[in-house]
Amino acid sequence: MDTYRKDMKKVQNNRGTGLEESLRRQLKITREKRHLTREEVSEGLISAGELRRLEEGRVADFWLLRLLMGRLHILPSVNIFYLSERDNALANLESEIRCSLLLWNYEKAENQLKQFTELCDKWNRFQQMIFYRLDTALRVRLIRAGRSSRKEKDVKRLRRFMEENMAGFEERLLQHRLFSPEELALLSVYYDFTIENTAEKLKKLYFLIHYFRDEFSQEEKQYLFYADLILACAQCQYAMGEFQNCIRQCEKGLELTEYFHTCEATGELCELIADAKGELFAKEIVNAEERKPWAGDIFRCYMQADAVYDTFYFGYQDGYREKLREKAERWKTIMLE
């Protein structure tokens, strides 16, 4: 019997006690309080019967429980779970990969994803969902950085996984069925990676934003992926020339990053605001009196991005700093005219 099975046996032998019993009770109480049926909560994950058995005491997979808790608006914490040795290693790796992606340390993220793959149970689709979310997020970021291109074989692989493991998700989204924030995070990078048409991509991402705001309006500041979703949407708006909407979207994203007290997408959002304001300047600012303060505002946005990048972002040294400071100097010159 391998380590994973031994650990699950320990959980089974100790079920019905302590935090596990409390969690099962919390799942049932929260579901009933929100007037949700087992069919609604479990749809696309497990059967209603399996959820009933879970509520009654059956040991559940950690990764499945996270999704169920997300659907019920219960903020997950590893402190309330008994984690097997494998699950503990995977949960730690997940956090490390997210940090590496956040700080543009893509080579490290690639190595960590290889470790995640080696540990991952290929038959556990809930673990696989985490892998595909992280792997696709890395691919999206490498494309944005100009260090990779969109490969059709990767698109097909991701689409096949979604069809097999999240069948009918678009129809369920349109019908406003239940999704956890982790499922929405996967859908966000899925759309960003697989859709080439910018207008179509924006439409899909914007629907995800509206769904998240409707379902998680009281908790939107609790989920870091939301800032990345807003950034992806704003980048589409910029590409389509919707500069005012792009700026508003970025400002919303910055409200979230200020709350997080982290650099989650902060540098990219500040830079994109400056880029969008620069495009508006070229189109709308003709009055000489307005040029200096407008240019000063754009310069400050670039400098905010530069400060965040320089402090936190591992990959900022790889030629990107010079490009950003070049853009900033242009507006500094106009400001000082």
Protein backbone atom coordinates (compact mmCIF):
# COMPACT_ATOMS: atom_id res chain seq x y z
CA MET A 1 0.00 0.00 0.00
CA ASP A 2 1.57 3.34 -1.06
CA THR A 3 1.88 6.41 1.18
CA TYR A 4 -1.23 8.04 -0.28
CA ARG A 5 -3.44 5.02 0.46
CA LYS A 6 -1.98 4.66 3.95
CA ASP A 7 -2.75 8.28 4.71
CA MET A 8 -6.31 7.93 3.39
CA LYS A 9 -6.71 4.83 5.61
CA LYS A 10 -5.70 6.93 8.62
CA VAL A 11 -8.35 9.49 7.72
CA GLN A 12 -10.99 6.77 7.34
CA ASN A 13 -10.06 5.31 10.73
CA ASN A 14 -10.43 8.73 12.37
CA ARG A 15 -13.44 10.06 10.50
CA GLY A 16 -16.33 11.61 12.32
CA THR A 17 -14.09 13.44 14.77
CA GLY A 18 -12.71 16.95 15.21
CA LEU A 19 -12.31 19.25 12.26
CA GLU A 20 -13.39 16.75 9.60
CA GLU A 21 -16.78 16.29 11.23
CA SER A 22 -17.05 20.06 11.63
CA LEU A 23 -16.29 20.56 7.95
CA ARG A 24 -18.88 18.02 6.80
CA ARG A 25 -21.44 19.71 9.04
CA GLN A 26 -20.45 23.12 7.65
CA LEU A 27 -20.90 21.93 4.05
CA LYS A 28 -24.42 20.68 4.76
CA ILE A 29 -25.48 23.66 6.90
CA THR A 30 -24.14 26.18 4.36
CA ARG A 31 -25.79 24.37 1.46
CA GLU A 32 -29.16 24.34 3.24
CA LYS A 33 -28.78 27.94 4.40
CA ARG A 34 -28.22 29.01 0.79
CA HIS A 35 -31.28 26.93 -0.25
CA LEU A 36 -29.24 24.80 -2.64
CA THR A 37 -29.89 21.19 -3.54
CA ARG A 38 -27.17 18.56 -3.62
CA GLU A 39 -27.66 18.37 -7.40
CA GLU A 40 -26.91 22.09 -7.76
CA VAL A 41 -23.78 22.01 -5.58
CA SER A 42 -22.31 18.82 -7.04
CA GLU A 43 -23.12 19.41 -10.74
CA GLY A 44 -20.16 18.62 -12.98
CA LEU A 45 -18.02 17.40 -10.07
CA ILE A 46 -19.66 14.38 -8.45
CA SER A 47 -23.13 12.90 -8.22
CA ALA A 48 -25.71 14.15 -5.71
CA GLY A 49 -25.53 10.75 -4.04
CA GLU A 50 -21.78 11.06 -3.55
CA LEU A 51 -22.26 14.51 -2.00
CA ARG A 52 -24.87 13.08 0.37
CA ARG A 53 -22.45 10.35 1.45
CA LEU A 54 -19.72 12.96 1.89
CA GLU A 55 -21.99 15.04 4.15
CA GLU A 56 -22.82 11.91 6.13
CA GLY A 57 -19.21 10.97 6.80
CA ARG A 58 -17.50 9.56 3.74
CA VAL A 59 -13.86 10.67 3.40
CA ALA A 60 -13.47 13.11 0.49
CA ASP A 61 -10.56 14.14 -1.66
CA PHE A 62 -8.90 17.39 -0.54
CA TRP A 63 -8.99 18.87 -4.06
CA LEU A 64 -12.68 18.05 -4.48
CA LEU A 65 -13.51 19.59 -1.10
CA ARG A 66 -11.80 22.85 -2.11
CA LEU A 67 -14.08 23.10 -5.15
CA LEU A 68 -17.22 22.31 -3.17
CA MET A 69 -16.28 24.84 -0.51
CA GLY A 70 -15.67 27.46 -3.20
CA ARG A 71 -19.12 26.87 -4.66
CA LEU A 72 -20.61 27.38 -1.19
CA HIS A 73 -18.53 30.51 -0.51
CA ILE A 74 -16.57 28.84 2.30
CA LEU A 75 -13.04 30.21 2.20
CA PRO A 76 -10.71 27.19 2.09
CA SER A 77 -7.76 26.72 4.42
CA VAL A 78 -5.38 23.77 4.54
CA ASN A 79 -5.53 24.07 8.34
CA ILE A 80 -8.95 22.37 8.38
CA PHE A 81 -7.82 19.32 6.41
CA TYR A 82 -5.84 16.23 7.18
CA LEU A 83 -3.45 16.23 4.20
CA SER A 84 -1.69 13.15 2.91
CA GLU A 85 2.01 13.49 2.24
CA ARG A 86 1.32 13.78 -1.48
CA ASP A 87 -1.45 16.37 -1.11
CA ASN A 88 0.69 18.45 1.22
CA ALA A 89 3.55 18.46 -1.29
CA LEU A 90 1.19 19.36 -4.15
CA ALA A 91 -0.48 22.18 -2.16
CA ASN A 92 2.93 23.65 -1.34
CA LEU A 93 4.04 23.36 -4.97
CA GLU A 94 0.84 25.07 -6.12
CA SER A 95 1.62 28.09 -3.92
CA GLU A 96 5.24 28.19 -5.10
CA ILE A 97 4.24 28.02 -8.77
CA ARG A 98 1.74 30.85 -8.33
CA CYS A 99 4.46 32.95 -6.70
CA SER A 100 6.92 32.20 -9.53
CA LEU A 101 4.34 33.18 -12.15
CA LEU A 102 3.51 36.34 -10.26
CA LEU A 103 7.16 37.44 -10.20
CA TRP A 104 7.91 36.49 -13.85
CA ASN A 105 10.26 33.72 -12.74
CA TYR A 106 9.11 31.51 -15.58
CA GLU A 107 12.05 29.11 -15.73
CA LYS A 108 11.52 28.29 -12.05
CA ALA A 109 7.77 27.88 -12.66
CA GLU A 110 8.48 25.39 -15.48
CA ASN A 111 10.67 23.28 -13.19
CA GLN A 112 8.09 23.40 -10.42
CA LEU A 113 5.36 22.33 -12.84
CA LYS A 114 7.45 19.31 -13.79
CA GLN A 115 7.62 18.38 -10.10
CA PHE A 116 3.86 18.90 -9.81
CA THR A 117 3.29 16.58 -12.79
CA GLU A 118 5.47 13.88 -11.27
CA LEU A 119 3.53 14.00 -7.99
CA CYS A 120 0.11 14.45 -9.52
CA ASP A 121 -2.29 11.50 -9.64
CA LYS A 122 -3.21 11.27 -13.33
CA TRP A 123 -6.55 9.68 -12.37
CA ASN A 124 -7.47 12.53 -10.01
CA ARG A 125 -9.20 15.05 -12.27
CA PHE A 126 -9.40 17.64 -9.51
CA GLN A 127 -5.60 17.64 -9.18
CA GLN A 128 -5.39 17.74 -12.98
CA MET A 129 -7.58 20.86 -13.01
CA ILE A 130 -5.02 22.63 -10.81
CA PHE A 131 -2.19 21.51 -13.09
CA TYR A 132 -3.93 22.73 -16.26
CA ARG A 133 -4.77 26.06 -14.66
CA LEU A 134 -1.15 26.67 -13.65
CA ASP A 135 0.33 25.28 -16.87
CA THR A 136 -1.97 27.38 -19.05
CA ALA A 137 -1.30 30.49 -16.98
CA LEU A 138 2.42 29.97 -17.63
CA ARG A 139 1.84 29.57 -21.38
CA VAL A 140 -0.27 32.75 -21.49
CA ARG A 141 2.42 34.74 -19.68
CA LEU A 142 5.21 33.42 -21.93
CA ILE A 143 3.21 34.49 -25.00
CA ARG A 144 2.64 37.96 -23.52
CA ALA A 145 6.37 38.26 -22.83
CA GLY A 146 7.18 37.27 -26.42
CA ARG A 147 9.05 34.18 -25.25
CA SER A 148 6.70 31.62 -26.78
CA SER A 149 3.89 31.25 -29.28
CA ARG A 150 0.47 29.66 -29.24
CA LYS A 151 0.84 26.04 -30.40
CA GLU A 152 -2.17 24.25 -31.83
CA LYS A 153 -1.25 20.94 -30.17
CA ASP A 154 -1.38 22.64 -26.75
CA VAL A 155 -4.73 24.21 -27.59
CA LYS A 156 -6.15 20.84 -28.63
CA ARG A 157 -4.82 19.16 -25.50
CA LEU A 158 -6.42 21.78 -23.25
CA ARG A 159 -9.73 21.66 -25.12
CA ARG A 160 -9.79 17.88 -24.87
CA PHE A 161 -9.21 18.07 -21.12
CA MET A 162 -12.02 20.61 -20.70
CA GLU A 163 -14.44 18.52 -22.79
CA GLU A 164 -13.67 15.40 -20.76
CA ASN A 165 -13.60 16.98 -17.29
CA MET A 166 -15.80 20.11 -17.46
CA ALA A 167 -18.33 19.07 -20.06
CA GLY A 168 -21.05 21.62 -20.77
CA PHE A 169 -19.35 24.37 -18.76
CA GLU A 170 -20.34 27.17 -21.19
CA GLU A 171 -24.00 26.22 -21.07
CA ARG A 172 -23.83 26.04 -17.27
CA LEU A 173 -22.18 29.47 -17.16
CA LEU A 174 -24.90 30.99 -19.32
CA GLN A 175 -27.52 29.48 -17.02
CA HIS A 176 -25.68 30.90 -14.01
CA ARG A 177 -25.11 27.50 -12.42
CA LEU A 178 -22.61 27.08 -9.59
CA PHE A 179 -18.87 27.43 -10.15
CA SER A 180 -16.10 27.83 -7.61
CA PRO A 181 -13.49 30.63 -7.95
CA GLU A 182 -10.89 27.96 -8.81
CA GLU A 183 -13.04 26.73 -11.71
CA LEU A 184 -13.46 30.34 -12.90
CA ALA A 185 -9.69 30.83 -12.71
CA LEU A 186 -9.24 27.82 -15.01
CA LEU A 187 -11.86 29.15 -17.43
CA SER A 188 -10.14 32.54 -17.45
CA VAL A 189 -6.79 31.18 -18.66
CA TYR A 190 -8.58 28.71 -20.95
CA TYR A 191 -10.28 31.54 -22.85
CA ASP A 192 -7.14 33.67 -22.81
CA PHE A 193 -5.08 30.87 -24.33
CA THR A 194 -7.44 29.18 -26.79
CA ILE A 195 -9.28 32.13 -28.38
CA GLU A 196 -7.35 34.13 -30.98
CA ASN A 197 -10.08 36.58 -31.98
CA THR A 198 -9.78 39.52 -29.56
CA ALA A 199 -13.45 40.55 -29.69
CA GLU A 200 -14.60 37.01 -28.98
CA LYS A 201 -12.07 36.61 -26.18
CA LEU A 202 -13.16 39.89 -24.59
CA LYS A 203 -16.79 38.79 -24.70
CA LYS A 204 -15.98 35.52 -22.89
CA LEU A 205 -13.72 37.16 -20.29
CA TYR A 206 -16.22 39.92 -19.63
CA PHE A 207 -18.93 37.34 -18.99
CA LEU A 208 -16.65 35.68 -16.43
CA ILE A 209 -16.12 39.05 -14.72
CA HIS A 210 -19.87 39.65 -14.53
CA TYR A 211 -20.47 36.14 -13.24
CA PHE A 212 -17.82 36.58 -10.56
CA ARG A 213 -19.19 39.97 -9.50
CA ASP A 214 -22.73 38.62 -9.31
CA GLU A 215 -21.82 35.47 -7.38
CA PHE A 216 -18.93 36.70 -5.24
CA SER A 217 -19.63 40.42 -4.83
CA GLN A 218 -19.02 40.25 -1.08
CA GLU A 219 -15.81 38.23 -1.45
CA GLU A 220 -14.20 39.51 -4.65
CA LYS A 221 -11.21 40.86 -2.74
CA GLN A 222 -10.46 37.42 -1.30
CA TYR A 223 -9.42 35.86 -4.60
CA LEU A 224 -6.15 36.90 -6.21
CA PHE A 225 -6.96 35.45 -9.65
CA TYR A 226 -9.61 38.17 -10.11
CA ALA A 227 -6.92 40.81 -10.68
CA ASP A 228 -5.41 38.64 -13.44
CA LEU A 229 -8.85 38.21 -15.02
CA ILE A 230 -9.35 41.97 -15.02
CA LEU A 231 -5.89 42.45 -16.57
CA ALA A 232 -6.67 39.98 -19.38
CA CYS A 233 -9.94 41.80 -20.08
CA ALA A 234 -8.22 45.21 -20.08
CA GLN A 235 -5.54 43.98 -22.50
CA CYS A 236 -8.28 42.97 -24.94
CA GLN A 237 -9.93 46.38 -24.58
CA TYR A 238 -6.60 48.08 -25.28
CA ALA A 239 -6.02 45.92 -28.38
CA MET A 240 -9.48 46.90 -29.65
CA GLY A 241 -8.89 50.62 -29.07
CA GLU A 242 -11.34 50.87 -26.15
CA PHE A 243 -8.89 52.97 -24.14
CA GLN A 244 -11.35 54.57 -21.69
CA ASN A 245 -12.81 51.17 -20.81
CA CYS A 246 -9.31 49.77 -20.51
CA ILE A 247 -8.34 52.47 -17.99
CA ARG A 248 -11.49 51.92 -15.92
CA GLN A 249 -10.88 48.17 -15.88
CA CYS A 250 -7.26 48.65 -14.78
CA GLU A 251 -8.29 51.03 -12.00
CA LYS A 252 -10.68 48.38 -10.70
CA GLY A 253 -7.84 45.87 -10.76
CA LEU A 254 -5.57 48.23 -8.83
CA GLU A 255 -8.23 48.60 -6.11
CA LEU A 256 -7.95 44.85 -5.60
CA THR A 257 -4.16 44.75 -5.56
CA GLU A 258 -4.11 47.58 -3.00
CA TYR A 259 -6.38 45.48 -0.80
CA PHE A 260 -4.19 42.39 -1.22
CA HIS A 261 -1.03 44.34 -0.27
CA THR A 262 0.74 42.25 -2.91
CA CYS A 263 2.05 42.93 -6.39
CA GLU A 264 -0.54 40.67 -8.05
CA ALA A 265 -0.66 42.16 -11.59
CA THR A 266 0.05 45.63 -10.15
CA GLY A 267 2.98 46.43 -12.42
CA GLU A 268 1.14 45.29 -15.54
CA LEU A 269 -1.99 47.26 -14.61
CA CYS A 270 -0.03 50.49 -13.98
CA GLU A 271 1.84 50.12 -17.26
CA LEU A 272 -1.33 49.38 -19.21
CA ILE A 273 -3.05 52.46 -17.76
CA ALA A 274 -0.09 54.56 -18.92
CA ASP A 275 -0.20 52.99 -22.40
CA ALA A 276 -3.95 53.61 -22.70
CA LYS A 277 -3.66 57.21 -21.48
CA GLY A 278 -0.86 57.73 -23.99
CA GLU A 279 -3.15 56.61 -26.82
CA LEU A 280 -5.88 58.96 -25.61
CA PHE A 281 -3.34 61.79 -25.39
CA ALA A 282 -2.42 61.30 -29.04
CA LYS A 283 -6.08 61.41 -30.09
CA GLU A 284 -7.65 63.97 -27.78
CA ILE A 285 -5.12 66.37 -26.23
CA VAL A 286 -4.53 69.35 -28.48
CA ASN A 287 -4.59 72.15 -25.91
CA ALA A 288 -1.01 73.10 -24.93
CA GLU A 289 -2.10 73.83 -21.32
CA GLU A 290 -3.32 70.27 -20.89
CA ARG A 291 -0.25 68.59 -22.35
CA LYS A 292 2.08 68.92 -19.35
CA PRO A 293 -0.24 67.68 -16.57
CA TRP A 294 -1.51 64.85 -18.80
CA ALA A 295 2.05 63.84 -19.68
CA GLY A 296 2.99 64.07 -16.00
CA ASP A 297 0.18 61.69 -15.08
CA ILE A 298 1.32 59.17 -17.71
CA PHE A 299 4.94 59.48 -16.55
CA ARG A 300 3.93 58.80 -12.94
CA CYS A 301 1.99 55.66 -14.01
CA TYR A 302 5.07 54.34 -15.76
CA MET A 303 7.22 55.12 -12.74
CA GLN A 304 4.77 53.28 -10.47
CA ALA A 305 5.04 50.27 -12.76
CA ASP A 306 8.83 50.59 -12.77
CA ALA A 307 8.97 50.69 -8.95
CA VAL A 308 6.81 47.56 -8.58
CA TYR A 309 8.64 45.68 -11.34
CA ASP A 310 12.05 46.62 -9.95
CA THR A 311 11.15 45.56 -6.41
CA PHE A 312 9.31 42.30 -7.03
CA TYR A 313 9.56 41.01 -10.60
CA PHE A 314 12.39 38.54 -11.21
CA GLY A 315 12.21 38.85 -15.00
CA TYR A 316 12.29 42.66 -15.09
CA GLN A 317 16.04 42.68 -15.64
CA ASP A 318 15.80 40.80 -18.96
CA GLY A 319 15.68 43.89 -21.18
CA TYR A 320 12.18 44.93 -20.12
CA ARG A 321 13.36 47.68 -17.79
CA GLU A 322 14.98 49.58 -20.65
CA LYS A 323 11.82 49.38 -22.77
CA LEU A 324 9.60 50.71 -19.99
CA ARG A 325 11.97 53.52 -18.99
CA GLU A 326 12.25 54.51 -22.63
CA LYS A 327 8.47 54.97 -22.72
CA ALA A 328 8.58 56.91 -19.45
CA GLU A 329 11.32 59.27 -20.69
CA ARG A 330 9.22 60.26 -23.68
CA TRP A 331 6.48 61.57 -21.38
CA LYS A 332 8.98 63.14 -18.99
CA THR A 333 10.31 65.19 -21.90
CA ILE A 334 6.80 66.46 -22.76
CA MET A 335 6.14 67.19 -19.07
CA LEU A 336 9.28 69.34 -18.80
CA GLU A 337 8.81 71.26 -22.05
